[in-house]
């Protein structure tokens, strides 16, 4: 197991039963960066042992990446589980806080349904019953196996996926509102926010500048 991985690290992970690698980048380390100053009821404390990563469509036999087209936009993964993989750190590139995005989920607390993203938890007008019965998207810790499968599928490399039964139409339908555009539009109406805002712009509107965690 690698001893550590840090924000900005570009990593390569050996694909199961293959000589090829897929690649990703650490965007945010919850335990190291988040200071607890966000809105009450956000999900970051739940993800405190996790890192936020993105992955790329570049698949290669070599530990070199020259194409940073995104496969998975961002997802949380246990740092411990990530470091258990056959992983190599090949570079470190500064993260632009204005381009970091976080999974979007719901959270129910005392009969109030919150829209949660990053350090934000915004009250919605959804009932908790509707959130549980119809939307069903709550904070979820990603599995490294499905990060690999999703990355390969999105990269049009199903030939490298051993278990074809694990291929899905939507790998994030129960963990990220961003994966369901019509549901996302509905939820943004309930919080009276613009879905076209970047995460950085939305957080800044609510008084939280993500840049403070990257100094």
Protein backbone atom coordinates (compact mmCIF):
# COMPACT_ATOMS: atom_id res chain seq x y z
CA UNK A 1 0.00 0.00 0.00
CA UNK A 2 1.21 3.50 -0.81
CA UNK A 3 1.79 5.58 2.30
CA UNK A 4 -0.08 8.65 1.17
CA UNK A 5 -1.74 10.55 -1.62
CA UNK A 6 -2.38 14.28 -1.62
CA UNK A 7 -4.41 16.95 -3.36
CA UNK A 8 -3.27 17.51 -6.93
CA UNK A 9 -1.71 14.06 -7.28
CA UNK A 10 -2.22 12.45 -10.67
CA UNK A 11 -2.47 8.70 -10.16
CA UNK A 12 -2.48 5.64 -12.38
CA UNK A 13 -4.22 2.43 -11.31
CA UNK A 14 -3.52 -0.92 -12.94
CA UNK A 15 -6.72 -2.31 -14.43
CA UNK A 16 -7.66 -5.72 -13.08
CA UNK A 17 -6.16 -8.58 -15.13
CA UNK A 18 -4.63 -6.15 -17.61
CA UNK A 19 -1.35 -4.45 -18.42
CA UNK A 20 -3.18 -1.15 -18.85
CA UNK A 21 -3.82 1.73 -16.46
CA UNK A 22 -6.58 4.24 -15.94
CA UNK A 23 -5.80 7.68 -14.51
CA UNK A 24 -7.27 10.17 -12.09
CA UNK A 25 -6.57 13.16 -9.88
CA UNK A 26 -7.21 14.03 -6.23
CA UNK A 27 -9.31 17.19 -6.07
CA UNK A 28 -10.07 17.50 -2.34
CA UNK A 29 -8.98 15.75 0.84
CA UNK A 30 -11.78 16.15 3.38
CA UNK A 31 -9.79 15.34 6.53
CA UNK A 32 -6.82 17.52 5.58
CA UNK A 33 -8.64 20.47 4.07
CA UNK A 34 -12.13 20.86 5.55
CA UNK A 35 -12.21 22.84 8.79
CA UNK A 36 -15.87 22.36 9.65
CA UNK A 37 -16.86 25.92 8.83
CA UNK A 38 -19.48 25.05 6.18
CA UNK A 39 -23.23 24.98 6.59
CA UNK A 40 -24.76 22.77 9.25
CA UNK A 41 -25.96 19.36 7.96
CA UNK A 42 -23.61 19.21 4.98
CA UNK A 43 -22.11 15.78 4.23
CA UNK A 44 -18.38 16.48 4.59
CA UNK A 45 -18.10 15.12 8.13
CA UNK A 46 -19.60 11.88 6.83
CA UNK A 47 -16.89 11.81 4.14
CA UNK A 48 -14.04 12.75 6.48
CA UNK A 49 -11.93 9.70 5.58
CA UNK A 50 -12.44 10.28 1.87
CA UNK A 51 -10.86 12.11 -1.01
CA UNK A 52 -12.70 13.62 -3.94
CA UNK A 53 -11.30 12.39 -7.25
CA UNK A 54 -11.88 12.75 -10.95
CA UNK A 55 -10.88 10.18 -13.57
CA UNK A 56 -9.94 10.48 -17.22
CA UNK A 57 -10.73 8.73 -20.49
CA UNK A 58 -7.05 8.10 -21.13
CA UNK A 59 -6.25 4.36 -20.93
CA UNK A 60 -2.66 3.32 -21.50
CA UNK A 61 0.04 0.69 -21.04
CA UNK A 62 2.41 3.48 -20.06
CA UNK A 63 2.55 5.55 -16.88
CA UNK A 64 2.11 8.70 -18.93
CA UNK A 65 -1.05 10.71 -19.49
CA UNK A 66 -1.50 13.22 -22.31
CA UNK A 67 -5.29 13.41 -22.48
CA UNK A 68 -7.18 14.88 -19.52
CA UNK A 69 -10.69 14.51 -20.94
CA UNK A 70 -12.88 13.70 -17.94
CA UNK A 71 -14.56 10.34 -17.49
CA UNK A 72 -15.92 10.68 -13.92
CA UNK A 73 -16.44 14.34 -13.07
CA UNK A 74 -15.97 13.83 -9.33
CA UNK A 75 -16.77 11.22 -6.72
CA UNK A 76 -15.80 10.45 -3.14
CA UNK A 77 -13.67 7.42 -2.43
CA UNK A 78 -12.09 6.15 0.78
CA UNK A 79 -8.46 7.23 0.82
CA UNK A 80 -7.55 3.94 2.47
CA UNK A 81 -9.26 1.90 -0.26
CA UNK A 82 -7.72 4.03 -3.00
CA UNK A 83 -4.25 3.41 -1.63
CA UNK A 84 -4.90 -0.34 -1.48
CA UNK A 85 -5.07 -0.42 -5.29
CA UNK A 86 -2.15 -1.12 -7.60
CA UNK A 87 -1.53 2.62 -7.78
CA UNK A 88 1.29 4.85 -8.93
CA UNK A 89 1.58 8.60 -8.33
CA UNK A 90 2.95 10.04 -11.57
CA UNK A 91 2.60 13.81 -11.15
CA UNK A 92 1.13 16.61 -9.10
CA UNK A 93 -0.84 19.41 -10.73
CA UNK A 94 -2.35 22.36 -8.88
CA UNK A 95 -6.11 22.16 -8.43
CA UNK A 96 -8.15 25.15 -9.59
CA UNK A 97 -10.79 25.62 -6.84
CA UNK A 98 -13.10 27.40 -9.27
CA UNK A 99 -13.36 24.21 -11.33
CA UNK A 100 -13.87 21.71 -8.50
CA UNK A 101 -17.33 20.19 -8.36
CA UNK A 102 -18.85 17.94 -5.72
CA UNK A 103 -21.52 15.22 -5.83
CA UNK A 104 -25.02 16.51 -5.21
CA UNK A 105 -27.25 14.63 -2.79
CA UNK A 106 -30.12 15.03 -0.35
CA UNK A 107 -30.13 14.73 3.44
CA UNK A 108 -33.11 14.44 5.73
CA UNK A 109 -32.93 15.91 9.22
CA UNK A 110 -35.87 16.35 11.59
CA UNK A 111 -38.44 16.27 8.79
CA UNK A 112 -36.48 18.74 6.67
CA UNK A 113 -34.96 17.75 3.36
CA UNK A 114 -31.66 19.46 2.56
CA UNK A 115 -29.90 19.67 -0.79
CA UNK A 116 -26.27 18.91 0.04
CA UNK A 117 -23.24 19.65 -2.11
CA UNK A 118 -19.71 20.22 -0.83
CA UNK A 119 -19.93 22.34 2.31
CA UNK A 120 -23.47 23.49 1.54
CA UNK A 121 -26.74 22.17 2.95
CA UNK A 122 -29.65 24.17 1.55
CA UNK A 123 -33.21 23.64 2.74
CA UNK A 124 -35.53 22.38 0.03
CA UNK A 125 -39.30 22.28 -0.14
CA UNK A 126 -39.27 18.51 -0.75
CA UNK A 127 -40.89 16.31 1.86
CA UNK A 128 -38.64 13.75 3.51
CA UNK A 129 -41.05 11.02 2.39
CA UNK A 130 -40.73 12.09 -1.23
CA UNK A 131 -36.95 12.20 -0.96
CA UNK A 132 -36.80 8.66 0.45
CA UNK A 133 -39.43 7.11 -1.79
CA UNK A 134 -38.80 8.80 -5.13
CA UNK A 135 -35.34 10.35 -5.38
CA UNK A 136 -33.25 8.10 -3.10
CA UNK A 137 -29.99 9.98 -3.61
CA UNK A 138 -28.08 10.36 -0.36
CA UNK A 139 -24.36 10.60 0.54
CA UNK A 140 -22.63 7.43 -0.60
CA UNK A 141 -19.06 6.26 -0.42
CA UNK A 142 -17.88 5.08 -3.82
CA UNK A 143 -16.29 1.68 -4.37
CA UNK A 144 -12.95 1.56 -6.14
CA UNK A 145 -14.11 -1.36 -8.27
CA UNK A 146 -17.03 0.61 -9.69
CA UNK A 147 -14.84 3.68 -10.20
CA UNK A 148 -12.77 1.48 -12.50
CA UNK A 149 -15.80 -0.03 -14.26
CA UNK A 150 -17.46 3.35 -14.76
CA UNK A 151 -14.24 4.92 -16.03
CA UNK A 152 -13.70 2.12 -18.55
CA UNK A 153 -17.33 2.16 -19.69
CA UNK A 154 -17.42 5.95 -20.14
CA UNK A 155 -14.08 5.71 -21.97
CA UNK A 156 -15.58 3.18 -24.44
CA UNK A 157 -13.33 0.41 -23.16
CA UNK A 158 -15.88 -2.22 -22.20
CA UNK A 159 -13.46 -4.78 -23.61
CA UNK A 160 -11.40 -4.30 -20.43
CA UNK A 161 -14.35 -4.94 -18.08
CA UNK A 162 -14.23 -8.58 -17.02
CA UNK A 163 -17.68 -8.84 -15.46
CA UNK A 164 -20.04 -7.55 -18.12
CA UNK A 165 -22.99 -7.91 -15.73
CA UNK A 166 -21.51 -5.03 -13.73
CA UNK A 167 -21.99 -2.58 -16.61
CA UNK A 168 -24.75 -0.07 -15.80
CA UNK A 169 -26.71 2.60 -17.62
CA UNK A 170 -26.01 5.02 -14.76
CA UNK A 171 -23.35 4.34 -12.13
CA UNK A 172 -24.39 7.28 -9.94
CA UNK A 173 -28.20 7.20 -9.96
CA UNK A 174 -28.30 6.57 -6.19
CA UNK A 175 -25.32 8.73 -5.24
CA UNK A 176 -25.28 11.90 -7.35
CA UNK A 177 -28.13 14.11 -8.50
CA UNK A 178 -25.93 15.38 -11.34
CA UNK A 179 -26.37 12.04 -13.07
CA UNK A 180 -30.14 12.63 -13.44
CA UNK A 181 -30.66 15.96 -15.25
CA UNK A 182 -34.46 16.09 -14.98
CA UNK A 183 -34.41 15.27 -11.26
CA UNK A 184 -31.66 17.84 -10.81
CA UNK A 185 -33.76 20.51 -12.50
CA UNK A 186 -36.68 19.68 -10.21
CA UNK A 187 -34.54 19.87 -7.07
CA UNK A 188 -32.94 23.17 -8.01
CA UNK A 189 -36.44 24.62 -8.36
CA UNK A 190 -37.19 23.56 -4.78
CA UNK A 191 -34.13 25.43 -3.48
CA UNK A 192 -34.63 28.44 -5.79
CA UNK A 193 -31.13 28.23 -7.24
CA UNK A 194 -29.68 28.30 -10.73
CA UNK A 195 -28.47 24.83 -11.84
CA UNK A 196 -26.11 26.46 -14.33
CA UNK A 197 -23.96 27.95 -11.57
CA UNK A 198 -20.68 26.18 -10.92
CA UNK A 199 -20.17 24.78 -7.45
CA UNK A 200 -17.68 27.55 -6.77
CA UNK A 201 -20.22 30.23 -7.75
CA UNK A 202 -23.01 28.63 -5.70
CA UNK A 203 -20.85 28.28 -2.59
CA UNK A 204 -19.59 31.85 -2.95
CA UNK A 205 -23.18 33.07 -3.18
CA UNK A 206 -23.79 31.46 0.21
CA UNK A 207 -20.68 33.02 1.71
CA UNK A 208 -18.16 30.19 1.33
CA UNK A 209 -15.07 30.62 -0.82
CA UNK A 210 -13.58 27.21 -1.67
CA UNK A 211 -10.24 28.87 -2.36
CA UNK A 212 -9.63 29.23 1.38
CA UNK A 213 -8.94 25.47 1.56
CA UNK A 214 -6.26 25.57 -1.12
CA UNK A 215 -3.93 28.16 0.38
